[in-house]
PDB file of N, CA and C in Angstrom:
ATOM      1  N   MET A   1      94.800  83.004 110.042  1.00  0.00           N
ATOM      2  CA  MET A   1      95.063  84.023 109.065  1.00  0.00           C
ATOM      3  C   MET A   1      94.019  83.940 107.990  1.00  0.00           C
ATOM      4  N   GLY A   2      93.806  85.023 107.268  1.00  0.00           N
ATOM      5  CA  GLY A   2      92.804  85.047 106.180  1.00  0.00           C
ATOM      6  C   GLY A   2      93.316  84.414 104.921  1.00  0.00           C
ATOM      7  N   GLU A   3      92.672  84.728 103.859  1.00  0.00           N
ATOM      8  CA  GLU A   3      93.019  84.228 102.561  1.00  0.00           C
ATOM      9  C   GLU A   3      94.468  84.450 102.227  1.00  0.00           C
ATOM     10  N   ASP A   4      95.148  83.448 101.641  1.00  0.00           N
ATOM     11  CA  ASP A   4      96.548  83.568 101.358  1.00  0.00           C
ATOM     12  C   ASP A   4      96.824  83.016  99.973  1.00  0.00           C
ATOM     13  N   ARG A   5      96.960  83.883  99.028  1.00  0.00           N
ATOM     14  CA  ARG A   5      97.230  83.456  97.603  1.00  0.00           C
ATOM     15  C   ARG A   5      98.528  84.040  97.171  1.00  0.00           C
ATOM     16  N   GLY A   6      99.270  83.251  96.395  1.00  0.00           N
ATOM     17  CA  GLY A   6     100.584  83.668  95.929  1.00  0.00           C
ATOM     18  C   GLY A   6     100.516  84.562  94.714  1.00  0.00           C
ATOM     19  N   LEU A   7     101.667  84.828  94.117  1.00  0.00           N
ATOM     20  CA  LEU A   7     101.804  85.745  93.017  1.00  0.00           C
ATOM     21  C   LEU A   7     100.917  85.379  91.796  1.00  0.00           C
ATOM     22  N   ASP A   8     100.785  84.105  91.523  1.00  0.00           N
ATOM     23  CA  ASP A   8      99.997  83.651  90.405  1.00  0.00           C
ATOM     24  C   ASP A   8      98.565  83.313  90.756  1.00  0.00           C
ATOM     25  N   GLY A   9      98.083  83.778  91.865  1.00  0.00           N
ATOM     26  CA  GLY A   9      96.708  83.505  92.305  1.00  0.00           C
ATOM     27  C   GLY A   9      96.605  82.234  93.102  1.00  0.00           C
ATOM     28  N   GLU A  10      97.670  81.497  93.247  1.00  0.00           N
ATOM     29  CA  GLU A  10      97.709  80.312  94.028  1.00  0.00           C
ATOM     30  C   GLU A  10      98.837  80.452  95.023  1.00  0.00           C
ATOM     31  N   ALA A  11      98.852  79.585  96.031  1.00  0.00           N
ATOM     32  CA  ALA A  11      99.976  79.598  96.952  1.00  0.00           C
ATOM     33  C   ALA A  11     101.221  79.251  96.149  1.00  0.00           C
ATOM     34  N   GLY A  12     102.234  80.098  96.182  1.00  0.00           N
ATOM     35  CA  GLY A  12     103.400  79.834  95.428  1.00  0.00           C
ATOM     36  C   GLY A  12     104.425  80.911  95.540  1.00  0.00           C
ATOM     37  N   PHE A  13     105.613  80.670  95.001  1.00  0.00           N
ATOM     38  CA  PHE A  13     106.685  81.583  95.066  1.00  0.00           C
ATOM     39  C   PHE A  13     107.206  81.917  93.671  1.00  0.00           C
ATOM     40  N   ARG A  14     107.880  83.021  93.557  1.00  0.00           N
ATOM     41  CA  ARG A  14     108.576  83.379  92.346  1.00  0.00           C
ATOM     42  C   ARG A  14     110.004  83.574  92.735  1.00  0.00           C
ATOM     43  N   HIS A  15     110.925  83.009  91.953  1.00  0.00           N
ATOM     44  CA  HIS A  15     112.346  83.154  92.208  1.00  0.00           C
ATOM     45  C   HIS A  15     112.814  84.350  91.461  1.00  0.00           C
ATOM     46  N   ASN A  16     113.494  85.325  92.163  1.00  0.00           N
ATOM     47  CA  ASN A  16     113.983  86.534  91.462  1.00  0.00           C
ATOM     48  C   ASN A  16     115.462  86.707  91.911  1.00  0.00           C
ATOM     49  N   GLY A  17     116.329  86.210  91.042  1.00  0.00           N
ATOM     50  CA  GLY A  17     117.745  86.223  91.378  1.00  0.00           C
ATOM     51  C   GLY A  17     117.984  85.296  92.529  1.00  0.00           C
ATOM     52  N   ASP A  18     118.442  85.855  93.620  1.00  0.00           N
ATOM     53  CA  ASP A  18     118.737  85.058  94.853  1.00  0.00           C
ATOM     54  C   ASP A  18     117.616  85.077  95.848  1.00  0.00           C
ATOM     55  N   MET A  19     116.442  85.613  95.473  1.00  0.00           N
ATOM     56  CA  MET A  19     115.326  85.789  96.419  1.00  0.00           C
ATOM     57  C   MET A  19     114.118  85.016  95.949  1.00  0.00           C
ATOM     58  N   ASP A  20     113.493  84.341  96.899  1.00  0.00           N
ATOM     59  CA  ASP A  20     112.163  83.743  96.632  1.00  0.00           C
ATOM     60  C   ASP A  20     111.152  84.734  97.203  1.00  0.00           C
ATOM     61  N   ILE A  21     110.316  85.263  96.262  1.00  0.00           N
ATOM     62  CA  ILE A  21     109.380  86.322  96.575  1.00  0.00           C
ATOM     63  C   ILE A  21     107.950  85.815  96.507  1.00  0.00           C
ATOM     64  N   ASN A  22     107.137  86.091  97.518  1.00  0.00           N
ATOM     65  CA  ASN A  22     105.728  85.717  97.521  1.00  0.00           C
ATOM     66  C   ASN A  22     104.894  86.927  97.925  1.00  0.00           C
ATOM     67  N   VAL A  23     103.816  87.150  97.252  1.00  0.00           N
ATOM     68  CA  VAL A  23     102.842  88.168  97.675  1.00  0.00           C
ATOM     69  C   VAL A  23     101.508  87.460  97.888  1.00  0.00           C
ATOM     70  N   ALA A  24     100.882  87.821  98.999  1.00  0.00           N
ATOM     71  CA  ALA A  24      99.610  87.173  99.375  1.00  0.00           C
ATOM     72  C   ALA A  24      98.719  88.223 100.033  1.00  0.00           C
ATOM     73  N   GLN A  25      97.405  87.990  99.882  1.00  0.00           N
ATOM     74  CA  GLN A  25      96.442  88.860 100.556  1.00  0.00           C
ATOM     75  C   GLN A  25      96.139  88.263 101.889  1.00  0.00           C
ATOM     76  N   GLN A  26      96.135  89.095 102.907  1.00  0.00           N
ATOM     77  CA  GLN A  26      95.675  88.680 104.266  1.00  0.00           C
ATOM     78  C   GLN A  26      94.401  89.434 104.554  1.00  0.00           C
ATOM     79  N   THR A  27      93.282  88.794 104.200  1.00  0.00           N
ATOM     80  CA  THR A  27      92.024  89.502 104.326  1.00  0.00           C
ATOM     81  C   THR A  27      91.648  89.834 105.774  1.00  0.00           C
ATOM     82  N   ASP A  28      92.064  89.070 106.736  1.00  0.00           N
ATOM     83  CA  ASP A  28      91.752  89.380 108.127  1.00  0.00           C
ATOM     84  C   ASP A  28      92.455  90.662 108.624  1.00  0.00           C
ATOM     85  N   GLN A  29      93.522  91.030 107.929  1.00  0.00           N
ATOM     86  CA  GLN A  29      94.261  92.259 108.313  1.00  0.00           C
ATOM     87  C   GLN A  29      94.111  93.367 107.279  1.00  0.00           C
ATOM     88  N   SER A  30      93.289  93.120 106.215  1.00  0.00           N
ATOM     89  CA  SER A  30      93.079  94.062 105.142  1.00  0.00           C
ATOM     90  C   SER A  30      94.413  94.611 104.590  1.00  0.00           C
ATOM     91  N   ARG A  31      95.244  93.621 104.184  1.00  0.00           N
ATOM     92  CA  ARG A  31      96.537  94.004 103.604  1.00  0.00           C
ATOM     93  C   ARG A  31      97.082  92.917 102.690  1.00  0.00           C
ATOM     94  N   TYR A  32      97.914  93.366 101.817  1.00  0.00           N
ATOM     95  CA  TYR A  32      98.697  92.430 100.989  1.00  0.00           C
ATOM     96  C   TYR A  32     100.110  92.449 101.572  1.00  0.00           C
ATOM     97  N   VAL A  33     100.709  91.267 101.694  1.00  0.00           N
ATOM     98  CA  VAL A  33     102.038  91.141 102.278  1.00  0.00           C
ATOM     99  C   VAL A  33     103.030  90.513 101.283  1.00  0.00           C
ATOM    100  N   ILE A  34     104.199  91.110 101.206  1.00  0.00           N
ATOM    101  CA  ILE A  34     105.252  90.497 100.342  1.00  0.00           C
ATOM    102  C   ILE A  34     106.316  89.932 101.284  1.00  0.00           C
ATOM    103  N   THR A  35     106.696  88.695 100.968  1.00  0.00           N
ATOM    104  CA  THR A  35     107.740  88.045 101.764  1.00  0.00           C
ATOM    105  C   THR A  35     108.913  87.681 100.853  1.00  0.00           C
ATOM    106  N   VAL A  36     110.093  87.712 101.447  1.00  0.00           N
ATOM    107  CA  VAL A  36     111.295  87.323 100.743  1.00  0.00           C
ATOM    108  C   VAL A  36     111.955  86.227 101.538  1.00  0.00           C
ATOM    109  N   ASP A  37     112.110  85.067 100.931  1.00  0.00           N
ATOM    110  CA  ASP A  37     112.667  83.888 101.606  1.00  0.00           C
ATOM    111  C   ASP A  37     111.898  83.634 102.927  1.00  0.00           C
ATOM    112  N   GLY A  38     110.626  83.826 102.898  1.00  0.00           N
ATOM    113  CA  GLY A  38     109.756  83.532 104.034  1.00  0.00           C
ATOM    114  C   GLY A  38     109.635  84.659 105.074  1.00  0.00           C
ATOM    115  N   GLU A  39     110.410  85.708 104.947  1.00  0.00           N
ATOM    116  CA  GLU A  39     110.363  86.825 105.907  1.00  0.00           C
ATOM    117  C   GLU A  39     109.595  87.966 105.342  1.00  0.00           C
ATOM    118  N   GLU A  40     108.686  88.554 106.170  1.00  0.00           N
ATOM    119  CA  GLU A  40     107.911  89.713 105.668  1.00  0.00           C
ATOM    120  C   GLU A  40     108.860  90.849 105.323  1.00  0.00           C
ATOM    121  N   ALA A  41     108.646  91.316 104.107  1.00  0.00           N
ATOM    122  CA  ALA A  41     109.470  92.435 103.571  1.00  0.00           C
ATOM    123  C   ALA A  41     108.707  93.696 103.425  1.00  0.00           C
ATOM    124  N   GLY A  42     107.381  93.640 103.455  1.00  0.00           N
ATOM    125  CA  GLY A  42     106.567  94.829 103.318  1.00  0.00           C
ATOM    126  C   GLY A  42     105.114  94.481 103.188  1.00  0.00           C
ATOM    127  N   PHE A  43     104.265  95.562 103.083  1.00  0.00           N
ATOM    128  CA  PHE A  43     102.821  95.326 102.984  1.00  0.00           C
ATOM    129  C   PHE A  43     102.140  96.536 102.370  1.00  0.00           C
ATOM    130  N   ALA A  44     100.956  96.317 101.869  1.00  0.00           N
ATOM    131  CA  ALA A  44     100.092  97.365 101.351  1.00  0.00           C
ATOM    132  C   ALA A  44      98.737  97.227 102.091  1.00  0.00           C
ATOM    133  N   ASP A  45      98.414  98.234 102.887  1.00  0.00           N
ATOM    134  CA  ASP A  45      97.110  98.247 103.618  1.00  0.00           C
ATOM    135  C   ASP A  45      96.035  98.794 102.735  1.00  0.00           C
ATOM    136  N   TYR A  46      94.821  98.328 102.981  1.00  0.00           N
ATOM    137  CA  TYR A  46      93.673  98.837 102.241  1.00  0.00           C
ATOM    138  C   TYR A  46      92.429  98.807 103.129  1.00  0.00           C
ATOM    139  N   LYS A  47      91.412  99.628 102.681  1.00  0.00           N
ATOM    140  CA  LYS A  47      90.101  99.695 103.331  1.00  0.00           C
ATOM    141  C   LYS A  47      89.083  99.424 102.202  1.00  0.00           C
ATOM    142  N   ASP A  48      88.162  98.508 102.491  1.00  0.00           N
ATOM    143  CA  ASP A  48      87.137  98.197 101.505  1.00  0.00           C
ATOM    144  C   ASP A  48      85.826  98.900 101.894  1.00  0.00           C
ATOM    145  N   SER A  49      85.097  99.384 100.902  1.00  0.00           N
ATOM    146  CA  SER A  49      83.775  99.891 101.098  1.00  0.00           C
ATOM    147  C   SER A  49      82.998  99.760  99.768  1.00  0.00           C
ATOM    148  N   ALA A  50      81.844  99.184  99.817  1.00  0.00           N
ATOM    149  CA  ALA A  50      81.046  98.886  98.617  1.00  0.00           C
ATOM    150  C   ALA A  50      81.907  98.214  97.599  1.00  0.00           C
ATOM    151  N   GLN A  51      82.104  98.762  96.451  1.00  0.00           N
ATOM    152  CA  GLN A  51      82.875  98.152  95.344  1.00  0.00           C
ATOM    153  C   GLN A  51      84.244  98.887  95.191  1.00  0.00           C
ATOM    154  N   VAL A  52      84.630  99.613  96.224  1.00  0.00           N
ATOM    155  CA  VAL A  52      85.914 100.388  96.136  1.00  0.00           C
ATOM    156  C   VAL A  52      86.892  99.966  97.194  1.00  0.00           C
ATOM    157  N   ARG A  53      88.139  99.840  96.790  1.00  0.00           N
ATOM    158  CA  ARG A  53      89.193  99.481  97.738  1.00  0.00           C
ATOM    159  C   ARG A  53      90.183 100.681  97.779  1.00  0.00           C
ATOM    160  N   GLU A  54      90.362 101.239  98.934  1.00  0.00           N
ATOM    161  CA  GLU A  54      91.275 102.364  99.141  1.00  0.00           C
ATOM    162  C   GLU A  54      92.602 101.844  99.605  1.00  0.00           C
ATOM    163  N   PHE A  55      93.624 102.091  98.839  1.00  0.00           N
ATOM    164  CA  PHE A  55      95.026 101.731  99.243  1.00  0.00           C
ATOM    165  C   PHE A  55      95.564 102.987  99.962  1.00  0.00           C
ATOM    166  N   ASP A  56      95.777 102.847 101.263  1.00  0.00           N
ATOM    167  CA  ASP A  56      96.154 104.047 102.038  1.00  0.00           C
ATOM    168  C   ASP A  56      97.602 104.016 102.631  1.00  0.00           C
ATOM    169  N   HIS A  57      98.251 102.856 102.563  1.00  0.00           N
ATOM    170  CA  HIS A  57      99.561 102.797 103.188  1.00  0.00           C
ATOM    171  C   HIS A  57     100.362 101.605 102.605  1.00  0.00           C
ATOM    172  N   THR A  58     101.546 101.891 102.098  1.00  0.00           N
ATOM    173  CA  THR A  58     102.403 100.851 101.554  1.00  0.00           C
ATOM    174  C   THR A  58     103.785 100.971 102.190  1.00  0.00           C
ATOM    175  N   VAL A  59     104.377  99.877 102.644  1.00  0.00           N
ATOM    176  CA  VAL A  59     105.642  99.923 103.324  1.00  0.00           C
ATOM    177  C   VAL A  59     106.536  98.810 102.787  1.00  0.00           C
ATOM    178  N   VAL A  60     107.798  99.129 102.498  1.00  0.00           N
ATOM    179  CA  VAL A  60     108.836  98.093 102.327  1.00  0.00           C
ATOM    180  C   VAL A  60     109.796  98.326 103.476  1.00  0.00           C
ATOM    181  N   HIS A  61     109.999  97.297 104.307  1.00  0.00           N
ATOM    182  CA  HIS A  61     110.832  97.453 105.487  1.00  0.00           C
ATOM    183  C   HIS A  61     112.290  97.823 105.083  1.00  0.00           C
ATOM    184  N   ASP A  62     112.908  98.598 105.970  1.00  0.00           N
ATOM    185  CA  ASP A  62     114.256  99.166 105.671  1.00  0.00           C
ATOM    186  C   ASP A  62     115.228  98.188 105.139  1.00  0.00           C
ATOM    187  N   GLU A  63     115.319  96.999 105.721  1.00  0.00           N
ATOM    188  CA  GLU A  63     116.331  96.030 105.350  1.00  0.00           C
ATOM    189  C   GLU A  63     116.076  95.453 103.909  1.00  0.00           C
ATOM    190  N   PHE A  64     114.875  95.750 103.371  1.00  0.00           N
ATOM    191  CA  PHE A  64     114.501  95.258 102.022  1.00  0.00           C
ATOM    192  C   PHE A  64     114.412  96.392 100.990  1.00  0.00           C
ATOM    193  N   GLN A  65     114.750  97.619 101.408  1.00  0.00           N
ATOM    194  CA  GLN A  65     114.723  98.768 100.502  1.00  0.00           C
ATOM    195  C   GLN A  65     115.712  98.574  99.351  1.00  0.00           C
ATOM    196  N   GLY A  66     115.382  99.132  98.175  1.00  0.00           N
ATOM    197  CA  GLY A  66     116.304  99.077  97.058  1.00  0.00           C
ATOM    198  C   GLY A  66     116.358  97.764  96.322  1.00  0.00           C
ATOM    199  N   LYS A  67     115.421  96.844  96.557  1.00  0.00           N
ATOM    200  CA  LYS A  67     115.399  95.558  95.911  1.00  0.00           C
ATOM    201  C   LYS A  67     114.240  95.431  94.945  1.00  0.00           C
ATOM    202  N   GLY A  68     113.556  96.559  94.701  1.00  0.00           N
ATOM    203  CA  GLY A  68     112.439  96.533  93.712  1.00  0.00           C
ATOM    204  C   GLY A  68     111.249  95.748  94.127  1.00  0.00           C
ATOM    205  N   LEU A  69     110.960  95.765  95.455  1.00  0.00           N
ATOM    206  CA  LEU A  69     109.876  94.906  95.980  1.00  0.00           C
ATOM    207  C   LEU A  69     108.505  95.605  95.915  1.00  0.00           C
ATOM    208  N   SER A  70     108.477  96.962  95.856  1.00  0.00           N
ATOM    209  CA  SER A  70     107.190  97.623  95.880  1.00  0.00           C
ATOM    210  C   SER A  70     106.427  97.331  94.614  1.00  0.00           C
ATOM    211  N   LYS A  71     107.127  97.136  93.474  1.00  0.00           N
ATOM    212  CA  LYS A  71     106.435  96.914  92.194  1.00  0.00           C
ATOM    213  C   LYS A  71     105.625  95.584  92.212  1.00  0.00           C
ATOM    214  N   PRO A  72     106.217  94.459  92.563  1.00  0.00           N
ATOM    215  CA  PRO A  72     105.410  93.184  92.566  1.00  0.00           C
ATOM    216  C   PRO A  72     104.328  93.247  93.633  1.00  0.00           C
ATOM    217  N   LEU A  73     104.573  93.896  94.745  1.00  0.00           N
ATOM    218  CA  LEU A  73     103.570  94.015  95.809  1.00  0.00           C
ATOM    219  C   LEU A  73     102.332  94.762  95.297  1.00  0.00           C
ATOM    220  N   ILE A  74     102.567  95.973  94.720  1.00  0.00           N
ATOM    221  CA  ILE A  74     101.452  96.825  94.252  1.00  0.00           C
ATOM    222  C   ILE A  74     100.787  96.157  93.069  1.00  0.00           C
ATOM    223  N   LYS A  75     101.614  95.585  92.117  1.00  0.00           N
ATOM    224  CA  LYS A  75     101.019  94.955  90.947  1.00  0.00           C
ATOM    225  C   LYS A  75     100.093  93.793  91.343  1.00  0.00           C
ATOM    226  N   PHE A  76     100.517  92.969  92.264  1.00  0.00           N
ATOM    227  CA  PHE A  76      99.659  91.850  92.684  1.00  0.00           C
ATOM    228  C   PHE A  76      98.379  92.384  93.315  1.00  0.00           C
ATOM    229  N   ALA A  77      98.525  93.417  94.209  1.00  0.00           N
ATOM    230  CA  ALA A  77      97.383  93.978  94.863  1.00  0.00           C
ATOM    231  C   ALA A  77      96.357  94.552  93.895  1.00  0.00           C
ATOM    232  N   LEU A  78      96.821  95.259  92.893  1.00  0.00           N
ATOM    233  CA  LEU A  78      95.952  95.835  91.890  1.00  0.00           C
ATOM    234  C   LEU A  78      95.331  94.770  90.995  1.00  0.00           C
ATOM    235  N   ASP A  79      96.138  93.781  90.579  1.00  0.00           N
ATOM    236  CA  ASP A  79      95.561  92.680  89.743  1.00  0.00           C
ATOM    237  C   ASP A  79      94.481  91.937  90.529  1.00  0.00           C
ATOM    238  N   ASP A  80      94.717  91.699  91.784  1.00  0.00           N
ATOM    239  CA  ASP A  80      93.759  91.006  92.613  1.00  0.00           C
ATOM    240  C   ASP A  80      92.505  91.824  92.788  1.00  0.00           C
ATOM    241  N   THR A  81      92.661  93.137  92.969  1.00  0.00           N
ATOM    242  CA  THR A  81      91.504  94.021  93.126  1.00  0.00           C
ATOM    243  C   THR A  81      90.715  94.086  91.815  1.00  0.00           C
ATOM    244  N   ARG A  82      91.359  94.117  90.672  1.00  0.00           N
ATOM    245  CA  ARG A  82      90.682  94.033  89.403  1.00  0.00           C
ATOM    246  C   ARG A  82      89.882  92.781  89.235  1.00  0.00           C
ATOM    247  N   ALA A  83      90.484  91.620  89.631  1.00  0.00           N
ATOM    248  CA  ALA A  83      89.815  90.323  89.535  1.00  0.00           C
ATOM    249  C   ALA A  83      88.591  90.228  90.438  1.00  0.00           C
ATOM    250  N   ALA A  84      88.631  91.005  91.522  1.00  0.00           N
ATOM    251  CA  ALA A  84      87.453  91.049  92.458  1.00  0.00           C
ATOM    252  C   ALA A  84      86.376  91.994  91.978  1.00  0.00           C
ATOM    253  N   GLY A  85      86.613  92.687  90.864  1.00  0.00           N
ATOM    254  CA  GLY A  85      85.615  93.607  90.350  1.00  0.00           C
ATOM    255  C   GLY A  85      85.482  94.902  91.062  1.00  0.00           C
ATOM    256  N   ARG A  86      86.515  95.327  91.717  1.00  0.00           N
ATOM    257  CA  ARG A  86      86.515  96.563  92.489  1.00  0.00           C
ATOM    258  C   ARG A  86      87.306  97.645  91.766  1.00  0.00           C
ATOM    259  N   SER A  87      86.966  98.879  92.094  1.00  0.00           N
ATOM    260  CA  SER A  87      87.804 100.025  91.634  1.00  0.00           C
ATOM    261  C   SER A  87      88.626 100.425  92.852  1.00  0.00           C
ATOM    262  N   ILE A  88      89.551 101.375  92.661  1.00  0.00           N
ATOM    263  CA  ILE A  88      90.424 101.740  93.751  1.00  0.00           C
ATOM    264  C   ILE A  88      90.471 103.249  93.957  1.00  0.00           C
ATOM    265  N   ILE A  89      90.890 103.626  95.156  1.00  0.00           N
ATOM    266  CA  ILE A  89      91.253 104.992  95.495  1.00  0.00           C
ATOM    267  C   ILE A  89      92.682 104.934  95.999  1.00  0.00           C
ATOM    268  N   PRO A  90      93.637 105.466  95.209  1.00  0.00           N
ATOM    269  CA  PRO A  90      95.032 105.403  95.614  1.00  0.00           C
ATOM    270  C   PRO A  90      95.492 106.574  96.467  1.00  0.00           C
ATOM    271  N   THR A  91      95.111 106.540  97.772  1.00  0.00           N
ATOM    272  CA  THR A  91      95.589 107.620  98.665  1.00  0.00           C
ATOM    273  C   THR A  91      96.989 107.426  99.065  1.00  0.00           C
ATOM    274  N   CYS A  92      97.567 106.251  98.889  1.00  0.00           N
ATOM    275  CA  CYS A  92      98.978 105.990  99.135  1.00  0.00           C
ATOM    276  C   CYS A  92      99.769 106.535  97.970  1.00  0.00           C
ATOM    277  N   SER A  93     100.826 107.297  98.224  1.00  0.00           N
ATOM    278  CA  SER A  93     101.621 107.902  97.131  1.00  0.00           C
ATOM    279  C   SER A  93     102.312 106.814  96.295  1.00  0.00           C
ATOM    280  N   ALA A  94     102.749 105.758  96.927  1.00  0.00           N
ATOM    281  CA  ALA A  94     103.433 104.687  96.173  1.00  0.00           C
ATOM    282  C   ALA A  94     102.485 104.032  95.143  1.00  0.00           C
ATOM    283  N   VAL A  95     101.233 103.804  95.561  1.00  0.00           N
ATOM    284  CA  VAL A  95     100.266 103.212  94.630  1.00  0.00           C
ATOM    285  C   VAL A  95      99.922 104.209  93.539  1.00  0.00           C
ATOM    286  N   GLU A  96      99.754 105.482  93.903  1.00  0.00           N
ATOM    287  CA  GLU A  96      99.468 106.513  92.936  1.00  0.00           C
ATOM    288  C   GLU A  96     100.590 106.639  91.915  1.00  0.00           C
ATOM    289  N   ARG A  97     101.821 106.582  92.369  1.00  0.00           N
ATOM    290  CA  ARG A  97     103.010 106.657  91.458  1.00  0.00           C
ATOM    291  C   ARG A  97     103.067 105.449  90.551  1.00  0.00           C
ATOM    292  N   PHE A  98     102.778 104.270  91.098  1.00  0.00           N
ATOM    293  CA  PHE A  98     102.796 103.035  90.281  1.00  0.00           C
ATOM    294  C   PHE A  98     101.826 103.169  89.156  1.00  0.00           C
ATOM    295  N   ILE A  99     100.606 103.646  89.454  1.00  0.00           N
ATOM    296  CA  ILE A  99      99.573 103.805  88.400  1.00  0.00           C
ATOM    297  C   ILE A  99      99.951 104.789  87.356  1.00  0.00           C
ATOM    298  N   SER A 100     100.607 105.920  87.761  1.00  0.00           N
ATOM    299  CA  SER A 100     101.031 106.897  86.810  1.00  0.00           C
ATOM    300  C   SER A 100     102.101 106.364  85.849  1.00  0.00           C
ATOM    301  N   LYS A 101     102.925 105.416  86.332  1.00  0.00           N
ATOM    302  CA  LYS A 101     103.955 104.808  85.511  1.00  0.00           C
ATOM    303  C   LYS A 101     103.464 103.593  84.726  1.00  0.00           C
ATOM    304  N   ASN A 102     102.274 103.102  85.084  1.00  0.00           N
ATOM    305  CA  ASN A 102     101.697 101.913  84.433  1.00  0.00           C
ATOM    306  C   ASN A 102     100.253 102.181  84.091  1.00  0.00           C
ATOM    307  N   PRO A 103     100.053 102.930  82.974  1.00  0.00           N
ATOM    308  CA  PRO A 103      98.686 103.429  82.622  1.00  0.00           C
ATOM    309  C   PRO A 103      97.656 102.343  82.423  1.00  0.00           C
ATOM    310  N   GLU A 104      98.094 101.081  82.254  1.00  0.00           N
ATOM    311  CA  GLU A 104      97.128 100.012  82.106  1.00  0.00           C
ATOM    312  C   GLU A 104      96.286  99.760  83.376  1.00  0.00           C
ATOM    313  N   TYR A 105      96.666 100.422  84.478  1.00  0.00           N
ATOM    314  CA  TYR A 105      95.925 100.302  85.737  1.00  0.00           C
ATOM    315  C   TYR A 105      95.028 101.550  85.961  1.00  0.00           C
ATOM    316  N   GLN A 106      95.123 102.545  85.100  1.00  0.00           N
ATOM    317  CA  GLN A 106      94.366 103.784  85.291  1.00  0.00           C
ATOM    318  C   GLN A 106      92.870 103.539  85.353  1.00  0.00           C
ATOM    319  N   ASP A 107      92.391 102.541  84.616  1.00  0.00           N
ATOM    320  CA  ASP A 107      90.919 102.261  84.592  1.00  0.00           C
ATOM    321  C   ASP A 107      90.416 101.766  85.960  1.00  0.00           C
ATOM    322  N   LEU A 108      91.310 101.363  86.838  1.00  0.00           N
ATOM    323  CA  LEU A 108      90.835 100.926  88.150  1.00  0.00           C
ATOM    324  C   LEU A 108      90.513 102.092  89.084  1.00  0.00           C
ATOM    325  N   VAL A 109      91.030 103.257  88.794  1.00  0.00           N
ATOM    326  CA  VAL A 109      90.832 104.412  89.721  1.00  0.00           C
ATOM    327  C   VAL A 109      89.376 104.883  89.635  1.00  0.00           C
ATOM    328  N   ALA A 110      88.756 104.889  90.830  1.00  0.00           N
ATOM    329  CA  ALA A 110      87.376 105.340  90.927  1.00  0.00           C
ATOM    330  C   ALA A 110      87.211 106.759  90.525  1.00  0.00           C
ATOM    331  N   SER A 111      86.155 107.079  89.790  1.00  0.00           N
ATOM    332  CA  SER A 111      85.920 108.454  89.368  1.00  0.00           C
ATOM    333  C   SER A 111      85.075 109.233  90.302  1.00  0.00           C
TER     334      SER A 111
END
């Protein structure tokens, strides 16, 4: 598997109520994956070109819906993209919606 970094940029977990949540980038699959108690709960797919990362598909699996997992998944993906010095194209509606609700990420959107 490719690079695997946790929520704080290192391998690690965050405890959220009764759930241990981890978000990691899987570079070999061009995606960020969120796990809950070690089980994959969702992912955000991307495509890289030059200095731009296009987020084109985000999924939270049915059994994990309603637990607020898309926010930490997208936040980690955008923070990691910022740290890599890339801008983004949010073709995924979930990423686009997250940015509209969190204007501190607006500067990442490629013009």
